[in-house]
N, C-alpha and C. Protein backbone atom coordinates (compact mmCIF):
# COMPACT_ATOMS: atom_id res chain seq x y z
N MET A 1 -28.84 -16.98 8.95
CA MET A 1 -29.10 -15.10 7.99
C MET A 1 -27.18 -14.87 7.27
N GLU A 2 -27.32 -15.04 6.41
CA GLU A 2 -25.91 -14.82 6.16
C GLU A 2 -25.69 -12.80 6.47
N GLU A 3 -24.95 -12.16 6.59
CA GLU A 3 -24.91 -10.75 6.70
C GLU A 3 -24.21 -10.49 5.33
N PRO A 4 -24.48 -9.24 4.66
CA PRO A 4 -23.84 -9.03 3.57
C PRO A 4 -22.62 -8.91 3.79
N ARG A 5 -21.75 -8.68 2.88
CA ARG A 5 -20.35 -8.30 3.01
C ARG A 5 -20.17 -7.43 2.90
N LYS A 6 -19.47 -6.70 3.92
CA LYS A 6 -19.49 -4.89 4.16
C LYS A 6 -18.43 -4.27 2.73
N LYS A 7 -18.63 -3.37 2.42
CA LYS A 7 -18.19 -2.66 1.03
C LYS A 7 -16.70 -2.19 1.11
N GLN A 8 -15.77 -2.67 0.99
CA GLN A 8 -14.64 -2.60 1.18
C GLN A 8 -14.20 -1.12 0.54
N PRO A 9 -13.25 -0.71 1.55
CA PRO A 9 -12.83 0.96 1.18
C PRO A 9 -12.20 1.31 0.48
N GLY A 10 -12.26 2.10 -0.20
CA GLY A 10 -11.37 2.46 -1.31
C GLY A 10 -9.99 3.11 -1.19
N PHE A 11 -9.48 4.04 -1.52
CA PHE A 11 -8.31 4.55 -1.47
C PHE A 11 -8.63 5.87 -0.37
N THR A 12 -8.09 6.59 -0.05
CA THR A 12 -8.07 7.48 1.59
C THR A 12 -7.72 9.17 0.87
N ILE A 13 -8.49 10.00 0.15
CA ILE A 13 -8.26 10.63 -0.54
C ILE A 13 -7.91 12.00 -0.09
N LEU A 14 -6.79 12.72 -0.04
CA LEU A 14 -6.82 13.66 0.95
C LEU A 14 -8.01 14.72 1.09
N LYS A 15 -7.95 15.40 2.25
CA LYS A 15 -9.38 16.16 2.64
C LYS A 15 -9.15 17.78 2.76
N ASN A 16 -7.99 17.83 3.76
CA ASN A 16 -7.46 19.47 3.98
C ASN A 16 -6.23 18.75 3.91
N ASP A 17 -5.45 20.02 3.71
CA ASP A 17 -4.06 20.21 3.95
C ASP A 17 -3.89 21.25 4.77
N SER A 18 -2.80 20.96 5.70
CA SER A 18 -1.77 22.03 7.08
C SER A 18 -1.27 22.41 6.54
N THR A 19 -1.01 22.67 5.17
CA THR A 19 0.34 23.63 4.75
C THR A 19 -0.39 24.15 3.50
N SER A 20 -0.72 24.46 3.78
CA SER A 20 -1.58 24.77 2.32
C SER A 20 -1.41 26.81 2.52
N GLY A 21 -0.94 26.92 3.05
CA GLY A 21 -0.42 28.19 2.93
C GLY A 21 -0.74 29.37 4.38
N HIS A 22 -1.45 28.70 4.93
CA HIS A 22 -1.57 29.85 5.99
C HIS A 22 -0.19 29.97 7.21
N GLY A 23 0.43 28.13 7.07
CA GLY A 23 1.99 28.83 8.18
C GLY A 23 1.59 28.61 9.81
N GLY A 24 0.68 28.40 9.85
CA GLY A 24 0.24 28.09 11.05
C GLY A 24 0.66 26.97 11.82
N TYR A 25 -0.31 26.55 13.13
CA TYR A 25 0.24 25.01 13.54
C TYR A 25 -0.11 23.88 11.97
N GLY A 26 0.97 22.83 12.46
CA GLY A 26 0.95 21.72 11.43
C GLY A 26 1.65 21.94 10.31
N VAL A 27 1.82 23.13 10.51
CA VAL A 27 2.94 22.97 9.02
C VAL A 27 4.21 22.40 8.98
N GLY A 28 4.45 21.22 7.85
CA GLY A 28 6.14 20.36 7.59
C GLY A 28 5.64 19.10 8.35
N VAL A 29 4.33 19.04 8.49
CA VAL A 29 3.17 17.82 9.53
C VAL A 29 2.93 16.86 8.70
N LEU A 30 3.37 15.79 8.33
CA LEU A 30 2.85 14.86 6.88
C LEU A 30 1.52 14.00 7.59
N SER A 31 0.68 13.85 6.57
CA SER A 31 -0.02 13.69 7.35
C SER A 31 -1.32 12.15 6.53
N LEU A 32 -1.77 11.09 7.16
CA LEU A 32 -2.00 9.61 7.62
C LEU A 32 -3.31 10.07 6.14
N GLU A 33 -4.26 10.61 6.08
CA GLU A 33 -5.39 11.41 5.40
C GLU A 33 -5.09 10.76 3.72
N ASN A 34 -3.64 10.94 3.62
CA ASN A 34 -4.23 10.28 1.85
C ASN A 34 -3.39 9.21 1.59
N VAL A 35 -2.71 8.53 2.73
CA VAL A 35 -2.46 7.14 2.60
C VAL A 35 -3.36 5.83 2.40
N SER A 36 -3.27 5.36 1.65
CA SER A 36 -3.45 3.96 1.97
C SER A 36 -2.72 2.79 1.40
N PRO A 37 -2.73 1.63 2.43
CA PRO A 37 -2.60 -0.01 2.61
C PRO A 37 -3.11 -0.97 0.65
N VAL A 38 -2.54 -1.70 -0.03
CA VAL A 38 -3.23 -2.16 -0.53
C VAL A 38 -2.18 -3.21 -0.24
N ILE A 39 -3.10 -4.76 0.10
CA ILE A 39 -1.79 -6.56 -0.19
C ILE A 39 -2.24 -6.63 -1.08
N VAL A 40 -1.24 -6.98 -1.87
CA VAL A 40 -1.01 -8.06 -2.48
C VAL A 40 -0.56 -9.51 -2.30
N ASP A 41 -1.68 -10.08 -3.01
CA ASP A 41 -1.17 -11.79 -2.55
C ASP A 41 -0.71 -12.39 -4.24
N VAL A 42 0.36 -12.73 -3.62
CA VAL A 42 1.60 -13.46 -4.96
C VAL A 42 0.78 -14.28 -5.44
N ALA A 43 0.40 -15.58 -4.58
CA ALA A 43 0.12 -16.51 -5.21
C ALA A 43 -1.93 -16.30 -5.69
N GLU A 44 -2.77 -15.67 -5.52
CA GLU A 44 -3.72 -15.47 -5.16
C GLU A 44 -3.49 -14.17 -7.27
N GLY A 45 -2.49 -13.58 -7.10
CA GLY A 45 -2.72 -12.22 -8.45
C GLY A 45 -3.55 -11.61 -7.67
N THR A 46 -3.68 -11.18 -6.51
CA THR A 46 -4.91 -10.30 -6.25
C THR A 46 -4.54 -9.16 -5.60
N ALA A 47 -5.23 -7.67 -5.50
CA ALA A 47 -4.94 -6.70 -4.88
C ALA A 47 -6.11 -6.09 -4.34
N VAL A 48 -6.24 -5.72 -2.97
CA VAL A 48 -7.26 -4.81 -1.82
C VAL A 48 -6.66 -3.94 -1.54
N VAL A 49 -7.52 -3.12 -0.67
CA VAL A 49 -6.88 -2.02 -0.11
C VAL A 49 -7.90 -2.47 1.20
N ASP A 50 -7.14 -2.78 2.04
CA ASP A 50 -6.90 -3.00 3.32
C ASP A 50 -6.47 -1.84 4.52
N ILE A 51 -7.72 -0.91 5.01
CA ILE A 51 -7.30 0.18 5.74
C ILE A 51 -6.89 -0.60 7.30
N ALA A 52 -7.20 -1.63 7.92
CA ALA A 52 -6.50 -1.82 8.55
C ALA A 52 -5.18 -2.09 9.04
N ALA A 53 -4.50 -2.42 7.71
CA ALA A 53 -2.99 -2.60 7.49
C ALA A 53 -2.20 -1.55 7.87
N MET A 54 -2.85 -0.01 8.11
CA MET A 54 -2.43 1.08 8.90
C MET A 54 -2.26 0.60 10.44
N HIS A 55 -2.87 -0.35 11.07
CA HIS A 55 -2.10 -0.63 12.23
C HIS A 55 -1.86 -1.79 12.41
N ALA A 56 -1.53 -2.58 10.97
CA ALA A 56 -1.38 -3.87 11.23
C ALA A 56 -2.21 -5.16 11.64
N ARG A 57 -3.36 -4.93 11.47
CA ARG A 57 -4.56 -5.07 11.81
C ARG A 57 -5.22 -6.21 9.83
N SER A 58 -4.22 -5.65 9.36
CA SER A 58 -5.41 -6.66 7.46
C SER A 58 -5.49 -7.60 8.28
N GLU A 59 -6.55 -7.94 7.03
CA GLU A 59 -6.94 -9.60 7.21
C GLU A 59 -6.04 -10.62 7.34
N VAL A 60 -4.97 -10.58 6.54
CA VAL A 60 -3.95 -11.52 6.32
C VAL A 60 -2.91 -11.01 7.61
N GLU A 61 -2.63 -10.31 7.89
CA GLU A 61 -2.10 -10.31 9.79
C GLU A 61 -2.54 -10.95 10.68
N LYS A 62 -3.58 -10.36 10.59
CA LYS A 62 -5.17 -10.92 12.38
C LYS A 62 -4.58 -12.39 12.62
N GLY A 63 -3.83 -12.50 13.85
CA GLY A 63 -3.74 -13.56 14.64
C GLY A 63 -1.86 -13.95 14.54
N ILE A 64 -1.70 -13.23 13.48
CA ILE A 64 -0.01 -13.88 12.88
C ILE A 64 0.98 -13.23 14.21
N LYS A 65 1.69 -13.86 14.62
CA LYS A 65 3.14 -13.21 15.70
C LYS A 65 4.39 -13.16 14.37
N PHE A 66 4.35 -12.37 14.00
CA PHE A 66 5.66 -11.90 13.27
C PHE A 66 7.16 -11.98 13.70
N SER A 67 8.07 -12.37 12.68
CA SER A 67 9.37 -12.25 12.81
C SER A 67 9.90 -11.99 12.13
N PRO A 68 11.28 -11.36 12.46
CA PRO A 68 12.10 -10.85 11.39
C PRO A 68 12.70 -11.43 10.54
N ASN A 69 12.81 -13.12 10.77
CA ASN A 69 13.61 -13.86 10.73
C ASN A 69 12.46 -15.02 9.91
N LYS A 70 13.51 -14.61 8.11
CA LYS A 70 12.30 -15.07 7.34
C LYS A 70 12.78 -17.11 7.35
N GLU A 71 13.50 -17.22 7.94
CA GLU A 71 13.72 -18.86 8.13
C GLU A 71 12.77 -19.51 9.08
N GLU A 72 12.25 -19.12 9.94
CA GLU A 72 10.85 -19.09 11.05
C GLU A 72 9.94 -19.38 10.34
N VAL A 73 8.93 -18.80 8.88
CA VAL A 73 8.19 -18.97 8.63
C VAL A 73 8.41 -20.00 6.88
N VAL A 74 8.79 -21.07 7.39
CA VAL A 74 9.17 -22.05 6.13
C VAL A 74 7.88 -22.43 4.96
N ASN A 75 7.05 -22.22 5.51
CA ASN A 75 5.71 -22.72 4.68
C ASN A 75 4.72 -21.63 4.21
N GLY A 76 5.60 -20.56 4.30
CA GLY A 76 4.37 -19.56 4.61
C GLY A 76 4.12 -19.16 3.19
N LYS A 77 2.76 -17.89 2.29
CA LYS A 77 2.89 -17.59 1.45
C LYS A 77 3.17 -16.20 1.19
N ALA A 78 3.70 -15.65 0.24
CA ALA A 78 3.80 -14.42 0.17
C ALA A 78 3.02 -13.47 0.08
N TYR A 79 2.98 -12.57 0.26
CA TYR A 79 2.32 -10.79 0.22
C TYR A 79 3.19 -9.72 0.40
N TRP A 80 2.30 -8.40 -0.70
CA TRP A 80 3.19 -7.54 -0.50
C TRP A 80 2.18 -6.97 0.31
N LEU A 81 2.47 -5.65 1.33
CA LEU A 81 1.72 -4.41 1.90
C LEU A 81 2.45 -3.54 0.74
N VAL A 82 1.27 -2.41 -0.35
CA VAL A 82 1.88 -1.58 -1.07
C VAL A 82 1.66 0.26 -0.44
N TRP A 83 2.49 0.72 0.30
CA TRP A 83 1.80 2.54 0.46
C TRP A 83 1.30 3.01 -0.26
N VAL A 84 0.79 3.84 -0.84
CA VAL A 84 -0.57 4.21 -1.70
C VAL A 84 -0.77 5.36 -1.38
N THR A 85 -0.10 6.67 -1.54
CA THR A 85 -0.47 8.14 -1.52
C THR A 85 -0.86 8.89 -2.37
N ILE A 86 -2.07 8.94 -2.26
CA ILE A 86 -2.53 10.12 -3.03
C ILE A 86 -2.64 11.52 -2.69
N GLU A 87 -1.90 12.13 -3.64
CA GLU A 87 -1.66 13.68 -3.93
C GLU A 87 -3.12 14.71 -4.62
N GLN A 88 -3.74 15.04 -3.91
CA GLN A 88 -4.78 16.24 -5.20
C GLN A 88 -4.30 17.39 -5.49
N LEU A 89 -4.58 17.55 -6.90
CA LEU A 89 -4.00 18.88 -6.96
C LEU A 89 -5.03 19.40 -7.66
N GLN A 90 -4.65 20.87 -8.49
CA GLN A 90 -6.44 22.30 -8.58
C GLN A 90 -6.34 20.66 -10.00
N THR A 91 -5.41 19.66 -10.59
CA THR A 91 -5.73 19.60 -12.02
C THR A 91 -6.42 17.59 -12.00
N GLY A 92 -6.29 17.70 -10.63
CA GLY A 92 -6.82 16.17 -9.87
C GLY A 92 -5.85 14.95 -9.42
N ALA A 93 -6.76 14.04 -8.45
CA ALA A 93 -5.63 13.59 -8.12
C ALA A 93 -4.66 12.25 -8.92
N TYR A 94 -3.66 12.17 -8.28
CA TYR A 94 -3.10 11.20 -8.92
C TYR A 94 -2.00 9.88 -8.03
N TYR A 95 -1.08 9.11 -8.28
CA TYR A 95 -0.47 8.16 -7.39
C TYR A 95 0.84 8.80 -6.97
N ALA A 96 0.77 9.57 -5.92
CA ALA A 96 2.16 10.66 -6.05
C ALA A 96 3.61 8.96 -4.96
N GLY A 97 2.87 8.73 -4.29
CA GLY A 97 3.87 7.98 -3.83
C GLY A 97 3.69 5.80 -3.62
N VAL A 98 4.44 4.81 -4.07
CA VAL A 98 4.25 3.67 -4.28
C VAL A 98 5.01 3.20 -3.83
N THR A 99 4.90 2.53 -2.01
CA THR A 99 6.32 1.64 -2.25
C THR A 99 5.64 0.36 -1.27
N ALA A 100 6.50 -0.26 -1.48
CA ALA A 100 5.84 -1.79 -1.33
C ALA A 100 6.76 -2.73 -0.16
N CYS A 101 6.36 -3.27 0.79
CA CYS A 101 6.74 -4.18 1.71
C CYS A 101 6.42 -5.43 1.58
N GLU A 102 7.68 -6.40 1.85
CA GLU A 102 7.50 -7.91 2.04
C GLU A 102 7.03 -8.45 3.19
N MET A 103 6.06 -9.30 2.93
CA MET A 103 4.90 -10.09 3.91
C MET A 103 5.28 -11.63 3.67
N ILE A 104 5.52 -12.63 4.75
CA ILE A 104 5.47 -14.06 4.54
C ILE A 104 4.21 -14.80 5.83
N ILE A 105 3.40 -15.42 4.89
CA ILE A 105 2.63 -15.48 6.41
C ILE A 105 2.12 -17.07 6.44
N ASP A 106 2.45 -17.37 7.34
CA ASP A 106 2.09 -18.97 7.58
C ASP A 106 0.82 -18.28 8.27
N ARG A 107 -0.82 -19.23 7.78
CA ARG A 107 -1.74 -18.97 9.10
C ARG A 107 -1.53 -20.56 9.29
N GLU A 108 -1.40 -21.77 8.96
CA GLU A 108 -1.95 -22.92 9.98
C GLU A 108 -0.34 -22.50 10.97
N ALA A 109 0.56 -22.34 10.84
CA ALA A 109 1.81 -22.31 11.83
C ALA A 109 1.52 -20.77 13.04
N ARG A 110 0.49 -19.75 12.71
CA ARG A 110 0.77 -18.70 12.94
C ARG A 110 1.45 -17.62 13.07
N ARG A 111 2.34 -18.22 12.17
CA ARG A 111 3.44 -16.80 12.33
C ARG A 111 3.82 -16.38 10.80
N GLY A 112 4.35 -15.51 11.02
CA GLY A 112 4.74 -14.36 9.61
C GLY A 112 6.28 -13.74 9.67
N TYR A 113 6.25 -13.23 8.74
CA TYR A 113 7.83 -12.51 8.63
C TYR A 113 7.64 -11.27 8.06
N LYS A 114 8.18 -10.03 8.50
CA LYS A 114 8.24 -8.42 7.86
C LYS A 114 9.59 -8.46 8.46
N LEU A 115 9.61 -7.00 8.03
CA LEU A 115 10.46 -6.33 8.55
C LEU A 115 9.46 -4.75 9.28
N LEU A 116 9.91 -4.65 10.47
CA LEU A 116 8.26 -3.77 10.72
C LEU A 116 9.13 -2.09 10.79
N PRO A 117 10.32 -2.26 11.16
CA PRO A 117 11.39 -1.13 10.88
C PRO A 117 10.93 -0.63 9.65
N GLU A 118 11.26 -1.55 8.30
CA GLU A 118 10.34 -1.51 6.78
C GLU A 118 9.45 -0.65 6.54
N HIS A 119 8.75 -1.26 6.92
CA HIS A 119 7.31 -1.12 6.97
C HIS A 119 7.08 0.43 7.23
N VAL A 120 7.36 0.74 8.07
CA VAL A 120 7.26 2.12 8.78
C VAL A 120 8.36 3.44 7.67
N ASN A 121 9.25 3.01 7.47
CA ASN A 121 10.40 3.24 6.53
C ASN A 121 9.39 3.78 5.34
N ARG A 122 9.11 2.50 4.74
CA ARG A 122 8.32 2.86 3.41
C ARG A 122 6.96 3.45 3.16
N MET A 123 6.18 3.01 4.51
CA MET A 123 4.91 3.97 4.89
C MET A 123 5.32 5.85 4.56
N ASP A 124 7.05 6.11 5.43
CA ASP A 124 7.07 7.09 5.22
C ASP A 124 7.42 8.10 3.81
N LYS A 125 8.43 6.74 3.43
CA LYS A 125 8.68 7.10 1.73
C LYS A 125 7.65 7.72 0.90
N SER A 126 6.41 6.71 1.18
CA SER A 126 5.73 6.88 0.19
C SER A 126 4.90 8.18 0.38
N LEU A 127 4.45 8.53 1.81
CA LEU A 127 4.15 9.94 1.71
C LEU A 127 5.08 11.25 1.91
N LYS A 128 6.27 11.01 1.58
CA LYS A 128 7.23 11.91 0.75
C LYS A 128 7.30 11.75 -0.85
N ARG A 129 6.73 10.91 -1.53
CA ARG A 129 5.93 11.01 -2.38
C ARG A 129 7.48 10.31 -3.58
N HIS A 130 8.18 8.94 -3.47
CA HIS A 130 8.54 7.95 -3.20
C HIS A 130 8.12 7.39 -3.71
N ILE A 131 8.47 6.58 -5.48
CA ILE A 131 8.48 5.56 -5.85
C ILE A 131 9.46 4.09 -5.90
N ILE A 132 8.80 3.25 -4.71
CA ILE A 132 9.65 2.08 -4.73
C ILE A 132 9.40 0.51 -4.65
N VAL A 133 9.49 0.08 -5.70
CA VAL A 133 8.29 -1.10 -6.12
C VAL A 133 9.66 -2.08 -7.49
N ASP A 134 10.42 -1.90 -7.72
CA ASP A 134 11.42 -2.33 -7.99
C ASP A 134 11.92 -3.77 -7.50
N HIS A 135 12.05 -4.16 -6.62
CA HIS A 135 12.01 -5.26 -5.54
C HIS A 135 11.34 -6.30 -5.55
N MET A 136 9.96 -5.69 -6.31
CA MET A 136 8.79 -6.43 -6.17
C MET A 136 9.24 -7.74 -7.47
N ASP A 137 8.19 -8.63 -7.43
CA ASP A 137 8.45 -9.71 -8.73
C ASP A 137 7.50 -9.45 -9.59
N GLU A 138 8.10 -9.74 -11.00
CA GLU A 138 7.14 -8.99 -12.51
C GLU A 138 5.47 -9.33 -11.48
N PRO A 139 5.26 -10.73 -11.06
CA PRO A 139 3.53 -10.57 -11.95
C PRO A 139 2.97 -9.61 -10.57
N SER A 140 3.56 -9.43 -9.70
CA SER A 140 2.82 -8.57 -8.09
C SER A 140 3.02 -7.15 -9.17
N LYS A 141 4.19 -7.18 -9.74
CA LYS A 141 4.42 -4.82 -10.26
C LYS A 141 2.94 -5.63 -11.23
N ILE A 142 2.91 -6.39 -12.25
CA ILE A 142 1.31 -5.76 -13.15
C ILE A 142 -0.06 -6.22 -12.42
N VAL A 143 -0.11 -6.93 -10.93
CA VAL A 143 -1.06 -7.19 -10.77
C VAL A 143 -1.33 -5.71 -10.04
N LEU A 144 -0.56 -5.01 -9.24
CA LEU A 144 -0.63 -3.66 -8.24
C LEU A 144 -0.61 -3.20 -9.38
N GLY A 145 -0.19 -2.45 -10.83
CA GLY A 145 -0.23 -2.19 -11.92
C GLY A 145 -1.24 -2.28 -11.89
N GLN A 146 -2.23 -2.61 -12.65
CA GLN A 146 -3.20 -3.33 -13.12
C GLN A 146 -4.62 -2.87 -12.01
N PHE A 147 -4.48 -3.03 -10.98
CA PHE A 147 -5.43 -3.45 -9.86
C PHE A 147 -5.26 -0.96 -9.63
N LEU A 148 -4.30 -0.04 -9.73
CA LEU A 148 -4.77 1.05 -9.65
C LEU A 148 -4.51 1.53 -10.23
N LYS A 149 -4.37 0.70 -12.37
CA LYS A 149 -4.77 1.48 -13.17
C LYS A 149 -6.84 1.44 -13.39
N GLN A 150 -7.50 0.23 -12.98
CA GLN A 150 -8.61 -0.38 -12.79
C GLN A 150 -9.00 0.68 -11.33
N HIS A 151 -8.74 1.21 -11.00
CA HIS A 151 -9.57 1.90 -9.42
C HIS A 151 -9.87 3.18 -9.86
N ASN A 152 -8.91 4.09 -10.68
CA ASN A 152 -8.74 5.19 -10.94
C ASN A 152 -8.04 5.67 -12.11
N LEU A 153 -8.65 5.52 -13.17
CA LEU A 153 -7.94 5.20 -14.85
C LEU A 153 -7.21 6.51 -14.83
N GLY A 154 -8.08 8.09 -14.14
CA GLY A 154 -7.60 9.23 -14.42
C GLY A 154 -6.22 9.68 -12.97
N MET A 155 -6.19 8.69 -12.56
CA MET A 155 -5.51 9.13 -11.56
C MET A 155 -4.02 8.19 -12.11
N TRP A 156 -4.70 6.65 -12.17
CA TRP A 156 -3.28 6.62 -13.09
C TRP A 156 -2.24 7.23 -14.35
N ASN A 157 -3.87 7.72 -15.09
CA ASN A 157 -2.97 8.95 -16.60
C ASN A 157 -2.33 9.89 -15.69
N ALA A 158 -2.21 10.32 -14.10
CA ALA A 158 -2.16 11.59 -14.06
C ALA A 158 -0.69 11.61 -13.59
N SER A 159 -0.29 10.09 -12.99
CA SER A 159 0.79 8.87 -12.15
C SER A 159 2.03 10.04 -13.27
N SER A 160 3.46 9.55 -12.21
CA SER A 160 4.26 9.94 -13.13
C SER A 160 4.93 8.59 -14.00
N GLU A 161 5.58 9.06 -15.15
CA GLU A 161 6.21 8.16 -15.86
C GLU A 161 7.10 7.02 -15.19
N LYS A 162 7.30 7.28 -14.12
CA LYS A 162 8.59 6.08 -13.40
C LYS A 162 7.42 5.10 -12.66
N LEU A 163 6.25 5.86 -12.68
CA LEU A 163 5.38 4.32 -11.82
C LEU A 163 4.36 3.55 -12.98
N LYS A 164 4.34 4.13 -13.85
CA LYS A 164 3.76 3.62 -14.66
C LYS A 164 4.26 2.68 -15.56
N LYS A 165 6.33 2.81 -15.92
CA LYS A 165 7.15 1.77 -16.31
C LYS A 165 7.77 1.08 -15.51
N GLU A 166 7.64 1.21 -14.18
CA GLU A 166 8.07 -0.07 -12.96
C GLU A 166 7.17 -0.94 -12.95
N LEU A 167 5.77 -0.36 -12.79
CA LEU A 167 4.82 -1.40 -12.87
C LEU A 167 4.46 -2.03 -14.15
N LEU A 168 3.92 -1.22 -15.17
CA LEU A 168 3.75 -2.25 -16.38
C LEU A 168 4.32 -2.01 -17.43
N GLY A 169 5.26 -1.60 -17.34
CA GLY A 169 5.93 -1.16 -18.57
C GLY A 169 6.12 -0.21 -19.44
N GLU A 170 4.88 0.98 -19.02
CA GLU A 170 4.03 1.69 -20.24
C GLU A 170 4.81 3.34 -19.98
């Protein structure tokens, strides 16, 4: 008997803010509670939240040996790992930081390309409310923009004009 598929997790929304004014322990510390990894499959034109990517264990990364050299992954499939940070304000939540990192994966050869320092730095930039998507291909930007918009229209509408313009030209 086939087991039903588990429901994919949604975005992580900030539960509690250690910097909310009490001035105690944890002030100035960035919390990973409000960042979610989104995997954009370039060829399929799809985007999904895959929380396992926080530890490089997403569905597409499982069983892959990564190299920092693109030349080692000649028959690879392109993906974008996008770090999406959500900030909760009194007026509601919005997409505060969105940064993309390239990945190329050859499932048959069990080899992949990614720059781990870039992935870590882009996650940090997302947490610090940066928008870095200008290096993405146009179709992938549209897929990501539509995914974020459909996931939560209110958060999309409350997001920066820069994000909306860079992803969907709005």
